[in-house]
């Protein structure tokens, strides 16, 4: 079950405390509108149709960046994890770039690629690449030597060993990297849409911030969080179906 009763109960308690705190003006309703006001705002953006337009645009950007970042991170991570020559040349450069906050490169990406879709997708892919690379790199490095000896004894070639031995053995850590990448992709899609966008969730939040409509801002934040959580659970479900032997945790 993707959502447990305990999770639903805990969310309900938080919403109740939030509603009471705002209604009793323990916190300012203008700065921190109650859940009921946020729900009304969600209903309004659903009614006007802007929610669907902005959500589809942001989801497309996030998924494209996620796919590009994951494929690149997995491919390079497996190579640096198993091929010492590639590791010696490539890993130091990646380790040098990895501590850079992905948000900090947005101005540079705008200078290089402009403010179009390519720049946004590239920014997301750049941020997703690093956690996926770390998981893939570590997963490839920690493949039990007995697996490789068994493949060699069966006269399996290098390419086939990568696909049939290294990749399956590294999958648990690769999955962890992908799940981190999913969360990062939604952070970056929001940031990338703050500059030079005419649609998307980040654009909508920025627009409502200028109008000082915190209820609509929080409505879109709720949607963004729900999209991220749902994407994580969907990917996890697909991985469980495709690779049931991994024994992944339920969360």
C-alpha atoms as a PDB file:
ATOM      1  CA  UNK A   1       0.000   0.000   0.000  1.00  0.00           C
ATOM      2  CA  UNK A   2       1.509   3.338  -1.075  1.00  0.00           C
ATOM      3  CA  UNK A   3      -0.136   5.350   1.712  1.00  0.00           C
ATOM      4  CA  UNK A   4      -0.675   3.836   5.156  1.00  0.00           C
ATOM      5  CA  UNK A   5      -3.379   4.777   7.639  1.00  0.00           C
ATOM      6  CA  UNK A   6      -0.685   6.048  10.010  1.00  0.00           C
ATOM      7  CA  UNK A   7       0.543   8.453   7.333  1.00  0.00           C
ATOM      8  CA  UNK A   8      -2.990   9.708   6.703  1.00  0.00           C
ATOM      9  CA  UNK A   9      -3.578  10.183  10.442  1.00  0.00           C
ATOM     10  CA  UNK A  10      -0.329  12.102  10.941  1.00  0.00           C
ATOM     11  CA  UNK A  11      -1.109  14.404   7.999  1.00  0.00           C
ATOM     12  CA  UNK A  12      -4.617  14.996   9.360  1.00  0.00           C
ATOM     13  CA  UNK A  13      -3.206  16.000  12.778  1.00  0.00           C
ATOM     14  CA  UNK A  14      -0.751  18.421  11.172  1.00  0.00           C
ATOM     15  CA  UNK A  15      -3.514  19.981   9.053  1.00  0.00           C
ATOM     16  CA  UNK A  16      -5.759  20.356  12.101  1.00  0.00           C
ATOM     17  CA  UNK A  17      -3.032  22.101  14.118  1.00  0.00           C
ATOM     18  CA  UNK A  18      -2.253  24.307  11.129  1.00  0.00           C
ATOM     19  CA  UNK A  19      -5.932  25.241  10.675  1.00  0.00           C
ATOM     20  CA  UNK A  20      -6.446  26.091  14.362  1.00  0.00           C
ATOM     21  CA  UNK A  21      -3.199  28.077  14.586  1.00  0.00           C
ATOM     22  CA  UNK A  22      -4.115  30.189  11.600  1.00  0.00           C
ATOM     23  CA  UNK A  23      -7.801  30.657  12.480  1.00  0.00           C
ATOM     24  CA  UNK A  24      -6.925  31.699  16.049  1.00  0.00           C
ATOM     25  CA  UNK A  25      -4.270  34.047  14.589  1.00  0.00           C
ATOM     26  CA  UNK A  26      -1.472  32.412  16.525  1.00  0.00           C
ATOM     27  CA  UNK A  27       0.250  32.932  13.211  1.00  0.00           C
ATOM     28  CA  UNK A  28      -0.816  35.570  10.693  1.00  0.00           C
ATOM     29  CA  UNK A  29      -3.421  34.171   8.236  1.00  0.00           C
ATOM     30  CA  UNK A  30      -2.054  36.466   5.517  1.00  0.00           C
ATOM     31  CA  UNK A  31       1.428  35.053   5.902  1.00  0.00           C
ATOM     32  CA  UNK A  32       0.369  31.482   6.715  1.00  0.00           C
ATOM     33  CA  UNK A  33      -3.151  30.866   5.384  1.00  0.00           C
ATOM     34  CA  UNK A  34      -5.084  27.910   6.840  1.00  0.00           C
ATOM     35  CA  UNK A  35      -5.463  24.641   4.888  1.00  0.00           C
ATOM     36  CA  UNK A  36      -9.084  25.507   4.112  1.00  0.00           C
ATOM     37  CA  UNK A  37      -7.976  28.656   2.269  1.00  0.00           C
ATOM     38  CA  UNK A  38      -5.280  26.713   0.439  1.00  0.00           C
ATOM     39  CA  UNK A  39      -7.904  24.127  -0.558  1.00  0.00           C
ATOM     40  CA  UNK A  40     -10.114  26.909  -1.936  1.00  0.00           C
ATOM     41  CA  UNK A  41      -7.130  28.230  -3.912  1.00  0.00           C
ATOM     42  CA  UNK A  42      -6.474  24.762  -5.319  1.00  0.00           C
ATOM     43  CA  UNK A  43     -10.116  24.534  -6.354  1.00  0.00           C
ATOM     44  CA  UNK A  44      -9.841  27.895  -8.097  1.00  0.00           C
ATOM     45  CA  UNK A  45      -6.734  27.016 -10.127  1.00  0.00           C
ATOM     46  CA  UNK A  46      -8.343  23.688 -11.036  1.00  0.00           C
ATOM     47  CA  UNK A  47     -11.520  25.499 -12.166  1.00  0.00           C
ATOM     48  CA  UNK A  48      -9.637  27.967 -14.349  1.00  0.00           C
ATOM     49  CA  UNK A  49      -7.497  25.218 -15.852  1.00  0.00           C
ATOM     50  CA  UNK A  50      -4.187  26.897 -15.055  1.00  0.00           C
ATOM     51  CA  UNK A  51      -3.184  24.086 -12.682  1.00  0.00           C
ATOM     52  CA  UNK A  52      -3.194  21.491 -15.443  1.00  0.00           C
ATOM     53  CA  UNK A  53      -1.269  23.701 -17.849  1.00  0.00           C
ATOM     54  CA  UNK A  54       1.436  24.588 -15.339  1.00  0.00           C
ATOM     55  CA  UNK A  55       1.655  21.070 -13.922  1.00  0.00           C
ATOM     56  CA  UNK A  56       2.081  19.422 -17.321  1.00  0.00           C
ATOM     57  CA  UNK A  57       4.808  21.898 -18.305  1.00  0.00           C
ATOM     58  CA  UNK A  58       6.748  21.441 -15.041  1.00  0.00           C
ATOM     59  CA  UNK A  59       6.294  17.676 -15.025  1.00  0.00           C
ATOM     60  CA  UNK A  60       7.599  17.410 -18.580  1.00  0.00           C
ATOM     61  CA  UNK A  61      10.695  19.443 -17.716  1.00  0.00           C
ATOM     62  CA  UNK A  62      11.341  17.501 -14.510  1.00  0.00           C
ATOM     63  CA  UNK A  63      10.967  14.108 -16.181  1.00  0.00           C
ATOM     64  CA  UNK A  64      13.163  15.003 -19.161  1.00  0.00           C
ATOM     65  CA  UNK A  65      15.889  16.302 -16.865  1.00  0.00           C
ATOM     66  CA  UNK A  66      15.515  13.273 -14.609  1.00  0.00           C
ATOM     67  CA  UNK A  67      15.839  10.801 -17.489  1.00  0.00           C
ATOM     68  CA  UNK A  68      18.882  12.556 -18.974  1.00  0.00           C
ATOM     69  CA  UNK A  69      20.556  12.918 -15.576  1.00  0.00           C
ATOM     70  CA  UNK A  70      19.854   9.308 -14.589  1.00  0.00           C
ATOM     71  CA  UNK A  71      21.042   7.762 -17.844  1.00  0.00           C
ATOM     72  CA  UNK A  72      24.225   9.841 -17.814  1.00  0.00           C
ATOM     73  CA  UNK A  73      24.858   9.224 -14.117  1.00  0.00           C
ATOM     74  CA  UNK A  74      24.319   5.466 -14.370  1.00  0.00           C
ATOM     75  CA  UNK A  75      26.475   5.083 -17.494  1.00  0.00           C
ATOM     76  CA  UNK A  76      29.412   7.142 -16.221  1.00  0.00           C
ATOM     77  CA  UNK A  77      29.055   5.783 -12.676  1.00  0.00           C
ATOM     78  CA  UNK A  78      29.324   2.168 -13.799  1.00  0.00           C
ATOM     79  CA  UNK A  79      32.389   2.975 -15.895  1.00  0.00           C
ATOM     80  CA  UNK A  80      34.203   4.922 -13.176  1.00  0.00           C
ATOM     81  CA  UNK A  81      33.305   2.210 -10.680  1.00  0.00           C
ATOM     82  CA  UNK A  82      34.811  -0.628 -12.725  1.00  0.00           C
ATOM     83  CA  UNK A  83      37.403   0.869 -15.128  1.00  0.00           C
ATOM     84  CA  UNK A  84      40.407   2.267 -13.247  1.00  0.00           C
ATOM     85  CA  UNK A  85      41.694   4.371 -16.150  1.00  0.00           C
ATOM     86  CA  UNK A  86      38.361   6.149 -16.594  1.00  0.00           C
ATOM     87  CA  UNK A  87      38.016   6.502 -12.831  1.00  0.00           C
ATOM     88  CA  UNK A  88      41.441   8.168 -12.553  1.00  0.00           C
ATOM     89  CA  UNK A  89      40.597  10.812 -15.159  1.00  0.00           C
ATOM     90  CA  UNK A  90      36.856  11.380 -14.723  1.00  0.00           C
ATOM     91  CA  UNK A  91      36.125  10.986 -10.996  1.00  0.00           C
ATOM     92  CA  UNK A  92      38.361  13.875  -9.791  1.00  0.00           C
ATOM     93  CA  UNK A  93      36.553  16.285 -12.128  1.00  0.00           C
ATOM     94  CA  UNK A  94      33.152  15.055 -10.931  1.00  0.00           C
ATOM     95  CA  UNK A  95      34.217  15.309  -7.294  1.00  0.00           C
ATOM     96  CA  UNK A  96      35.339  18.881  -7.953  1.00  0.00           C
ATOM     97  CA  UNK A  97      31.951  19.841  -9.426  1.00  0.00           C
ATOM     98  CA  UNK A  98      29.781  17.822  -7.035  1.00  0.00           C
ATOM     99  CA  UNK A  99      29.935  20.256  -4.053  1.00  0.00           C
ATOM    100  CA  UNK A 100      28.700  23.144  -6.229  1.00  0.00           C
ATOM    101  CA  UNK A 101      25.070  24.040  -5.409  1.00  0.00           C
ATOM    102  CA  UNK A 102      23.103  23.270  -8.607  1.00  0.00           C
ATOM    103  CA  UNK A 103      21.076  26.441  -8.050  1.00  0.00           C
ATOM    104  CA  UNK A 104      24.275  28.481  -8.339  1.00  0.00           C
ATOM    105  CA  UNK A 105      24.829  27.451 -11.954  1.00  0.00           C
ATOM    106  CA  UNK A 106      21.457  28.771 -13.154  1.00  0.00           C
ATOM    107  CA  UNK A 107      22.821  32.249 -14.089  1.00  0.00           C
ATOM    108  CA  UNK A 108      25.702  30.612 -15.965  1.00  0.00           C
ATOM    109  CA  UNK A 109      23.350  28.249 -17.805  1.00  0.00           C
ATOM    110  CA  UNK A 110      21.237  31.232 -18.862  1.00  0.00           C
ATOM    111  CA  UNK A 111      24.372  32.886 -20.299  1.00  0.00           C
ATOM    112  CA  UNK A 112      25.342  29.688 -22.119  1.00  0.00           C
ATOM    113  CA  UNK A 113      21.991  28.333 -23.277  1.00  0.00           C
ATOM    114  CA  UNK A 114      19.503  31.180 -22.881  1.00  0.00           C
ATOM    115  CA  UNK A 115      16.161  30.868 -21.106  1.00  0.00           C
ATOM    116  CA  UNK A 116      14.517  28.220 -23.283  1.00  0.00           C
ATOM    117  CA  UNK A 117      13.552  24.614 -22.591  1.00  0.00           C
ATOM    118  CA  UNK A 118      17.042  23.269 -23.255  1.00  0.00           C
ATOM    119  CA  UNK A 119      18.511  25.402 -20.477  1.00  0.00           C
ATOM    120  CA  UNK A 120      15.880  24.279 -17.970  1.00  0.00           C
ATOM    121  CA  UNK A 121      16.217  20.587 -18.804  1.00  0.00           C
ATOM    122  CA  UNK A 122      20.024  20.836 -18.746  1.00  0.00           C
ATOM    123  CA  UNK A 123      19.951  22.475 -15.289  1.00  0.00           C
ATOM    124  CA  UNK A 124      17.761  19.699 -13.918  1.00  0.00           C
ATOM    125  CA  UNK A 125      19.878  16.967 -15.521  1.00  0.00           C
ATOM    126  CA  UNK A 126      23.062  18.522 -14.110  1.00  0.00           C
ATOM    127  CA  UNK A 127      21.666  18.437 -10.575  1.00  0.00           C
ATOM    128  CA  UNK A 128      20.257  14.901 -10.911  1.00  0.00           C
ATOM    129  CA  UNK A 129      23.498  13.511 -12.343  1.00  0.00           C
ATOM    130  CA  UNK A 130      25.547  13.690  -9.147  1.00  0.00           C
ATOM    131  CA  UNK A 131      23.469  11.608  -6.692  1.00  0.00           C
ATOM    132  CA  UNK A 132      22.834   9.032  -9.428  1.00  0.00           C
ATOM    133  CA  UNK A 133      26.541   8.922 -10.283  1.00  0.00           C
ATOM    134  CA  UNK A 134      27.478   8.414  -6.621  1.00  0.00           C
ATOM    135  CA  UNK A 135      25.028   5.514  -6.267  1.00  0.00           C
ATOM    136  CA  UNK A 136      26.110   3.906  -9.539  1.00  0.00           C
ATOM    137  CA  UNK A 137      29.824   4.418  -8.837  1.00  0.00           C
ATOM    138  CA  UNK A 138      29.625   2.935  -5.342  1.00  0.00           C
ATOM    139  CA  UNK A 139      27.367   0.136  -6.496  1.00  0.00           C
ATOM    140  CA  UNK A 140      29.781  -0.853  -9.257  1.00  0.00           C
ATOM    141  CA  UNK A 141      32.785  -0.715  -6.924  1.00  0.00           C
ATOM    142  CA  UNK A 142      31.156  -2.965  -4.339  1.00  0.00           C
ATOM    143  CA  UNK A 143      30.183  -5.819  -6.678  1.00  0.00           C
ATOM    144  CA  UNK A 144      31.301  -9.035  -4.917  1.00  0.00           C
ATOM    145  CA  UNK A 145      34.455 -10.400  -6.505  1.00  0.00           C
ATOM    146  CA  UNK A 146      32.958 -13.887  -6.525  1.00  0.00           C
ATOM    147  CA  UNK A 147      30.333 -12.659  -9.040  1.00  0.00           C
ATOM    148  CA  UNK A 148      33.073 -11.485 -11.397  1.00  0.00           C
ATOM    149  CA  UNK A 149      35.065 -14.693 -10.994  1.00  0.00           C
ATOM    150  CA  UNK A 150      31.944 -16.703 -11.786  1.00  0.00           C
ATOM    151  CA  UNK A 151      31.337 -14.618 -14.945  1.00  0.00           C
ATOM    152  CA  UNK A 152      34.952 -15.106 -16.022  1.00  0.00           C
ATOM    153  CA  UNK A 153      34.760 -18.851 -15.446  1.00  0.00           C
ATOM    154  CA  UNK A 154      31.696 -18.957 -17.700  1.00  0.00           C
ATOM    155  CA  UNK A 155      33.650 -17.053 -20.395  1.00  0.00           C
ATOM    156  CA  UNK A 156      31.297 -14.063 -20.320  1.00  0.00           C
ATOM    157  CA  UNK A 157      32.766 -11.048 -22.135  1.00  0.00           C
ATOM    158  CA  UNK A 158      33.332  -7.624 -20.595  1.00  0.00           C
ATOM    159  CA  UNK A 159      30.262  -5.986 -22.120  1.00  0.00           C
ATOM    160  CA  UNK A 160      28.012  -8.859 -21.106  1.00  0.00           C
ATOM    161  CA  UNK A 161      29.521  -8.830 -17.595  1.00  0.00           C
ATOM    162  CA  UNK A 162      28.609  -5.170 -17.234  1.00  0.00           C
ATOM    163  CA  UNK A 163      25.008  -5.798 -18.269  1.00  0.00           C
ATOM    164  CA  UNK A 164      24.387  -9.183 -16.656  1.00  0.00           C
ATOM    165  CA  UNK A 165      26.539  -8.956 -13.502  1.00  0.00           C
ATOM    166  CA  UNK A 166      27.681  -5.437 -12.569  1.00  0.00           C
ATOM    167  CA  UNK A 167      24.425  -3.602 -13.307  1.00  0.00           C
ATOM    168  CA  UNK A 168      22.132  -6.012 -11.395  1.00  0.00           C
ATOM    169  CA  UNK A 169      24.525  -6.133  -8.429  1.00  0.00           C
ATOM    170  CA  UNK A 170      24.744  -2.326  -8.308  1.00  0.00           C
ATOM    171  CA  UNK A 171      20.987  -1.770  -8.625  1.00  0.00           C
ATOM    172  CA  UNK A 172      20.205  -1.213  -4.900  1.00  0.00           C
ATOM    173  CA  UNK A 173      22.583   1.765  -4.698  1.00  0.00           C
ATOM    174  CA  UNK A 174      21.538   2.982  -8.145  1.00  0.00           C
ATOM    175  CA  UNK A 175      17.914   3.037  -6.987  1.00  0.00           C
ATOM    176  CA  UNK A 176      18.890   5.098  -3.938  1.00  0.00           C
ATOM    177  CA  UNK A 177      20.592   7.603  -6.232  1.00  0.00           C
ATOM    178  CA  UNK A 178      17.572   7.755  -8.531  1.00  0.00           C
ATOM    179  CA  UNK A 179      15.233   8.437  -5.609  1.00  0.00           C
ATOM    180  CA  UNK A 180      17.458  11.302  -4.483  1.00  0.00           C
ATOM    181  CA  UNK A 181      17.498  12.535  -8.074  1.00  0.00           C
ATOM    182  CA  UNK A 182      13.696  12.594  -8.202  1.00  0.00           C
ATOM    183  CA  UNK A 183      13.524  14.960  -5.237  1.00  0.00           C
ATOM    184  CA  UNK A 184      16.279  17.154  -6.684  1.00  0.00           C
ATOM    185  CA  UNK A 185      14.572  17.301 -10.085  1.00  0.00           C
ATOM    186  CA  UNK A 186      11.483  18.933  -8.561  1.00  0.00           C
ATOM    187  CA  UNK A 187      13.612  21.398  -6.617  1.00  0.00           C
ATOM    188  CA  UNK A 188      15.438  22.361  -9.789  1.00  0.00           C
ATOM    189  CA  UNK A 189      12.333  22.615 -11.966  1.00  0.00           C
ATOM    190  CA  UNK A 190      10.979  25.182  -9.512  1.00  0.00           C
ATOM    191  CA  UNK A 191      14.229  27.170  -9.490  1.00  0.00           C
ATOM    192  CA  UNK A 192      14.682  27.032 -13.257  1.00  0.00           C
ATOM    193  CA  UNK A 193      11.189  28.425 -13.795  1.00  0.00           C
ATOM    194  CA  UNK A 194      11.801  31.506 -11.667  1.00  0.00           C
ATOM    195  CA  UNK A 195      13.763  33.130 -14.491  1.00  0.00           C
ATOM    196  CA  UNK A 196      12.630  33.393 -18.084  1.00  0.00           C
ATOM    197  CA  UNK A 197       9.578  31.146 -17.883  1.00  0.00           C
ATOM    198  CA  UNK A 198       6.041  31.911 -19.016  1.00  0.00           C
ATOM    199  CA  UNK A 199       4.460  28.778 -17.573  1.00  0.00           C
ATOM    200  CA  UNK A 200       5.102  26.117 -14.965  1.00  0.00           C
ATOM    201  CA  UNK A 201       4.671  25.763 -11.217  1.00  0.00           C
ATOM    202  CA  UNK A 202       7.714  27.890 -10.380  1.00  0.00           C
ATOM    203  CA  UNK A 203       6.473  30.642 -12.680  1.00  0.00           C
ATOM    204  CA  UNK A 204       3.020  30.534 -11.077  1.00  0.00           C
ATOM    205  CA  UNK A 205       4.423  30.730  -7.542  1.00  0.00           C
ATOM    206  CA  UNK A 206       6.608  33.685  -8.497  1.00  0.00           C
ATOM    207  CA  UNK A 207       3.635  35.431 -10.116  1.00  0.00           C
ATOM    208  CA  UNK A 208       1.417  35.001  -7.062  1.00  0.00           C
ATOM    209  CA  UNK A 209       4.271  36.158  -4.826  1.00  0.00           C
ATOM    210  CA  UNK A 210       4.260  39.478  -6.676  1.00  0.00           C
ATOM    211  CA  UNK A 211       0.518  39.727  -5.995  1.00  0.00           C
ATOM    212  CA  UNK A 212       1.059  38.730  -2.331  1.00  0.00           C
ATOM    213  CA  UNK A 213      -1.354  35.793  -2.659  1.00  0.00           C
ATOM    214  CA  UNK A 214       0.172  33.364  -0.191  1.00  0.00           C
ATOM    215  CA  UNK A 215      -2.835  31.046  -0.440  1.00  0.00           C
ATOM    216  CA  UNK A 216      -2.199  30.436  -4.144  1.00  0.00           C
ATOM    217  CA  UNK A 217       1.558  30.173  -3.534  1.00  0.00           C
ATOM    218  CA  UNK A 218       1.005  27.475  -0.941  1.00  0.00           C
ATOM    219  CA  UNK A 219      -1.527  25.747  -3.191  1.00  0.00           C
ATOM    220  CA  UNK A 220       1.135  25.307  -5.849  1.00  0.00           C
ATOM    221  CA  UNK A 221       3.702  24.249  -3.245  1.00  0.00           C
ATOM    222  CA  UNK A 222       1.295  21.520  -2.112  1.00  0.00           C
ATOM    223  CA  UNK A 223       0.922  20.400  -5.739  1.00  0.00           C
ATOM    224  CA  UNK A 224       4.709  20.412  -6.221  1.00  0.00           C
ATOM    225  CA  UNK A 225       5.255  18.331  -3.094  1.00  0.00           C
ATOM    226  CA  UNK A 226       2.504  15.898  -4.081  1.00  0.00           C
ATOM    227  CA  UNK A 227       4.017  15.466  -7.552  1.00  0.00           C
ATOM    228  CA  UNK A 228       7.438  14.722  -6.072  1.00  0.00           C
ATOM    229  CA  UNK A 229       6.088  12.215  -3.553  1.00  0.00           C
ATOM    230  CA  UNK A 230       3.881  10.508  -6.152  1.00  0.00           C
ATOM    231  CA  UNK A 231       6.756  10.280  -8.643  1.00  0.00           C
ATOM    232  CA  UNK A 232       8.997   8.672  -6.032  1.00  0.00           C
ATOM    233  CA  UNK A 233       6.356   6.080  -5.117  1.00  0.00           C
ATOM    234  CA  UNK A 234       5.546   5.305  -8.757  1.00  0.00           C
ATOM    235  CA  UNK A 235       9.211   4.750  -9.612  1.00  0.00           C
ATOM    236  CA  UNK A 236       9.647   2.605  -6.503  1.00  0.00           C
ATOM    237  CA  UNK A 237       6.595   0.547  -7.439  1.00  0.00           C
ATOM    238  CA  UNK A 238       7.875   0.002 -10.977  1.00  0.00           C
ATOM    239  CA  UNK A 239      11.281  -1.063  -9.669  1.00  0.00           C
ATOM    240  CA  UNK A 240       9.676  -3.531  -7.258  1.00  0.00           C
ATOM    241  CA  UNK A 241       7.679  -5.023 -10.132  1.00  0.00           C
ATOM    242  CA  UNK A 242      10.682  -5.237 -12.444  1.00  0.00           C
ATOM    243  CA  UNK A 243      13.237  -6.348  -9.855  1.00  0.00           C
ATOM    244  CA  UNK A 244      11.394  -8.069  -6.975  1.00  0.00           C
ATOM    245  CA  UNK A 245      14.600  -9.744  -5.789  1.00  0.00           C
ATOM    246  CA  UNK A 246      16.041  -6.403  -4.639  1.00  0.00           C
ATOM    247  CA  UNK A 247      14.014  -6.502  -1.397  1.00  0.00           C
ATOM    248  CA  UNK A 248      13.562  -2.721  -1.296  1.00  0.00           C
ATOM    249  CA  UNK A 249      12.101  -1.056   1.770  1.00  0.00           C
ATOM    250  CA  UNK A 250       8.462  -0.050   1.751  1.00  0.00           C
ATOM    251  CA  UNK A 251       8.930   3.675   2.343  1.00  0.00           C
END
